[in-house]
Structures are given as C-alpha cells and as structure tokens.
C-alpha cells in the first residue's frame, strides 16, 4: 500500500525514531511502513491518521 508517511513525517521535522515513539512502534516498523514493505493494522492506521490530523484516506493511497 502506498502512503504519504515519509512526507508527513519530514514536514513535521521528525526522525523515524521520533515518529516511532509517538506511535509506540519500533523505528524499523516506521521504516517498513514508509518503504511499503509493511501494511499497518487498522488500529495503527487510525493512530497514524489521528497523529497527523488527517483521514486514513489522506495518508494511505490505493495501489
């Protein structure tokens, strides 16, 4: 699944580690999400969208 996570994170000036702390996941998970190697669970997708004050559809894009 394609996503805008890297762009959103960089716009906030956050490192992968900082985003990972806020989401309560590992930095490796953030990296895997950003590179499209891992699709988030629905609860994690909601947490990500909520953190950026966006809808899930605005963060995660259909292939």
N, C-alpha and C. Protein backbone atom coordinates (compact mmCIF):
# COMPACT_ATOMS: atom_id res chain seq x y z
N UNK A 1 0.85 -1.17 0.00
CA UNK A 1 0.00 0.00 0.00
C UNK A 1 0.90 1.24 0.00
N UNK A 2 0.63 2.14 -0.89
CA UNK A 2 1.37 3.39 -0.94
C UNK A 2 0.89 4.32 0.16
N UNK A 3 1.79 5.18 0.63
CA UNK A 3 1.39 6.12 1.67
C UNK A 3 2.25 7.37 1.61
N UNK A 4 1.80 8.38 2.33
CA UNK A 4 2.49 9.67 2.39
C UNK A 4 3.25 9.85 3.70
N UNK A 5 3.50 8.77 4.40
CA UNK A 5 4.05 8.84 5.74
C UNK A 5 5.39 9.57 5.79
N UNK A 6 6.30 9.26 4.89
CA UNK A 6 7.61 9.92 4.91
C UNK A 6 7.46 11.43 4.73
N UNK A 7 6.66 11.84 3.76
CA UNK A 7 6.45 13.28 3.54
C UNK A 7 5.84 13.95 4.75
N UNK A 8 4.85 13.31 5.35
CA UNK A 8 4.20 13.88 6.53
C UNK A 8 5.17 13.98 7.70
N UNK A 9 5.96 12.94 7.89
CA UNK A 9 6.94 12.93 8.99
C UNK A 9 7.97 14.02 8.78
N UNK A 10 8.51 14.12 7.57
CA UNK A 10 9.54 15.11 7.30
C UNK A 10 9.00 16.53 7.43
N UNK A 11 7.74 16.75 7.04
CA UNK A 11 7.13 18.07 7.18
C UNK A 11 7.06 18.51 8.64
N UNK A 12 6.99 17.54 9.55
CA UNK A 12 6.96 17.85 10.98
C UNK A 12 8.37 17.98 11.56
N UNK A 13 9.37 17.59 10.76
CA UNK A 13 10.75 17.64 11.24
C UNK A 13 11.09 16.50 12.18
N UNK A 14 10.36 15.40 12.08
CA UNK A 14 10.57 14.26 12.96
C UNK A 14 11.46 13.23 12.29
N UNK A 15 12.29 12.57 13.09
CA UNK A 15 13.05 11.41 12.62
C UNK A 15 12.12 10.19 12.66
N UNK A 16 12.57 9.11 12.05
CA UNK A 16 11.78 7.88 12.13
C UNK A 16 11.63 7.44 13.57
N UNK A 17 12.69 7.60 14.36
CA UNK A 17 12.64 7.22 15.76
C UNK A 17 11.64 8.04 16.55
N UNK A 18 11.58 9.33 16.27
CA UNK A 18 10.63 10.20 16.97
C UNK A 18 9.19 9.82 16.63
N UNK A 19 8.94 9.55 15.36
CA UNK A 19 7.60 9.12 14.96
C UNK A 19 7.26 7.78 15.60
N UNK A 20 8.22 6.89 15.61
CA UNK A 20 8.00 5.57 16.21
C UNK A 20 7.61 5.69 17.69
N UNK A 21 8.28 6.57 18.42
CA UNK A 21 7.94 6.78 19.83
C UNK A 21 6.50 7.26 19.98
N UNK A 22 6.09 8.19 19.15
CA UNK A 22 4.74 8.72 19.25
C UNK A 22 3.69 7.67 18.92
N UNK A 23 4.03 6.76 18.00
CA UNK A 23 3.09 5.72 17.60
C UNK A 23 3.21 4.46 18.45
N UNK A 24 4.24 4.42 19.32
CA UNK A 24 4.50 3.26 20.16
C UNK A 24 4.79 2.00 19.34
N UNK A 25 5.63 2.20 18.31
CA UNK A 25 6.12 1.10 17.48
C UNK A 25 7.63 1.26 17.36
N UNK A 26 8.29 0.31 16.73
CA UNK A 26 9.74 0.41 16.56
C UNK A 26 10.08 1.31 15.37
N UNK A 27 11.31 1.80 15.35
CA UNK A 27 11.77 2.59 14.21
C UNK A 27 11.75 1.74 12.95
N UNK A 28 12.04 0.44 13.11
CA UNK A 28 12.02 -0.47 11.96
C UNK A 28 10.62 -0.57 11.36
N UNK A 29 9.61 -0.51 12.21
CA UNK A 29 8.22 -0.55 11.71
C UNK A 29 7.93 0.70 10.89
N UNK A 30 8.36 1.86 11.39
CA UNK A 30 8.16 3.11 10.63
C UNK A 30 8.87 3.01 9.29
N UNK A 31 10.10 2.52 9.29
CA UNK A 31 10.83 2.36 8.04
C UNK A 31 10.10 1.44 7.08
N UNK A 32 9.61 0.31 7.58
CA UNK A 32 8.90 -0.65 6.73
C UNK A 32 7.61 -0.04 6.18
N UNK A 33 6.92 0.75 6.98
CA UNK A 33 5.72 1.44 6.51
C UNK A 33 6.06 2.42 5.39
N UNK A 34 7.10 3.22 5.61
CA UNK A 34 7.48 4.23 4.64
C UNK A 34 7.93 3.63 3.31
N UNK A 35 8.56 2.49 3.36
CA UNK A 35 9.06 1.86 2.13
C UNK A 35 8.06 0.91 1.51
N UNK A 36 6.88 0.78 2.11
CA UNK A 36 5.84 -0.08 1.54
C UNK A 36 6.05 -1.56 1.77
N UNK A 37 6.95 -1.91 2.69
CA UNK A 37 7.20 -3.32 2.97
C UNK A 37 6.25 -3.89 4.01
N UNK A 38 5.46 -3.02 4.62
CA UNK A 38 4.56 -3.44 5.69
C UNK A 38 3.29 -2.60 5.62
N UNK A 39 2.15 -3.25 5.65
CA UNK A 39 0.87 -2.55 5.72
C UNK A 39 0.43 -2.53 7.18
N UNK A 40 0.02 -1.37 7.67
CA UNK A 40 -0.33 -1.27 9.08
C UNK A 40 -1.64 -1.97 9.40
N UNK A 41 -1.78 -2.36 10.65
CA UNK A 41 -3.08 -2.85 11.12
C UNK A 41 -4.03 -1.66 11.10
N UNK A 42 -5.31 -1.93 11.14
CA UNK A 42 -6.29 -0.85 11.15
C UNK A 42 -6.12 0.07 12.36
N UNK A 43 -5.92 -0.47 13.58
CA UNK A 43 -5.70 0.43 14.72
C UNK A 43 -4.47 1.33 14.53
N UNK A 44 -3.38 0.79 13.97
CA UNK A 44 -2.19 1.60 13.75
C UNK A 44 -2.46 2.65 12.67
N UNK A 45 -3.18 2.29 11.63
CA UNK A 45 -3.51 3.27 10.59
C UNK A 45 -4.32 4.42 11.17
N UNK A 46 -5.26 4.11 12.07
CA UNK A 46 -6.03 5.17 12.72
C UNK A 46 -5.14 6.04 13.58
N UNK A 47 -4.20 5.44 14.32
CA UNK A 47 -3.29 6.23 15.16
C UNK A 47 -2.44 7.17 14.32
N UNK A 48 -1.95 6.67 13.18
CA UNK A 48 -1.14 7.50 12.29
C UNK A 48 -1.97 8.67 11.77
N UNK A 49 -3.15 8.38 11.27
CA UNK A 49 -4.01 9.44 10.73
C UNK A 49 -4.34 10.47 11.81
N UNK A 50 -4.67 10.00 12.99
CA UNK A 50 -5.02 10.89 14.10
C UNK A 50 -3.83 11.78 14.47
N UNK A 51 -2.63 11.22 14.49
CA UNK A 51 -1.44 11.97 14.85
C UNK A 51 -1.23 13.16 13.91
N UNK A 52 -1.51 12.94 12.63
CA UNK A 52 -1.32 14.00 11.64
C UNK A 52 -2.61 14.79 11.38
N UNK A 53 -3.66 14.49 12.13
CA UNK A 53 -4.96 15.17 11.98
C UNK A 53 -5.49 15.05 10.55
N UNK A 54 -5.38 13.83 10.01
CA UNK A 54 -5.85 13.55 8.66
C UNK A 54 -6.77 12.34 8.67
N UNK A 55 -7.46 12.15 7.56
CA UNK A 55 -8.24 10.93 7.38
C UNK A 55 -7.29 9.83 6.91
N UNK A 56 -7.63 8.60 7.19
CA UNK A 56 -6.81 7.47 6.73
C UNK A 56 -6.58 7.56 5.23
N UNK A 57 -7.62 7.94 4.48
CA UNK A 57 -7.52 8.03 3.03
C UNK A 57 -6.52 9.09 2.57
N UNK A 58 -6.23 10.06 3.45
CA UNK A 58 -5.28 11.11 3.11
C UNK A 58 -3.84 10.70 3.41
N UNK A 59 -3.67 9.61 4.14
CA UNK A 59 -2.33 9.10 4.46
C UNK A 59 -2.00 7.90 3.60
N UNK A 60 -2.94 6.98 3.47
CA UNK A 60 -2.71 5.73 2.74
C UNK A 60 -3.46 5.78 1.42
N UNK A 61 -2.72 5.50 0.34
CA UNK A 61 -3.25 5.63 -1.01
C UNK A 61 -3.43 4.26 -1.65
N UNK A 62 -4.49 4.09 -2.44
CA UNK A 62 -4.65 2.80 -3.13
C UNK A 62 -3.51 2.58 -4.12
N UNK A 63 -3.17 1.33 -4.34
CA UNK A 63 -2.07 1.00 -5.27
C UNK A 63 -2.36 1.43 -6.68
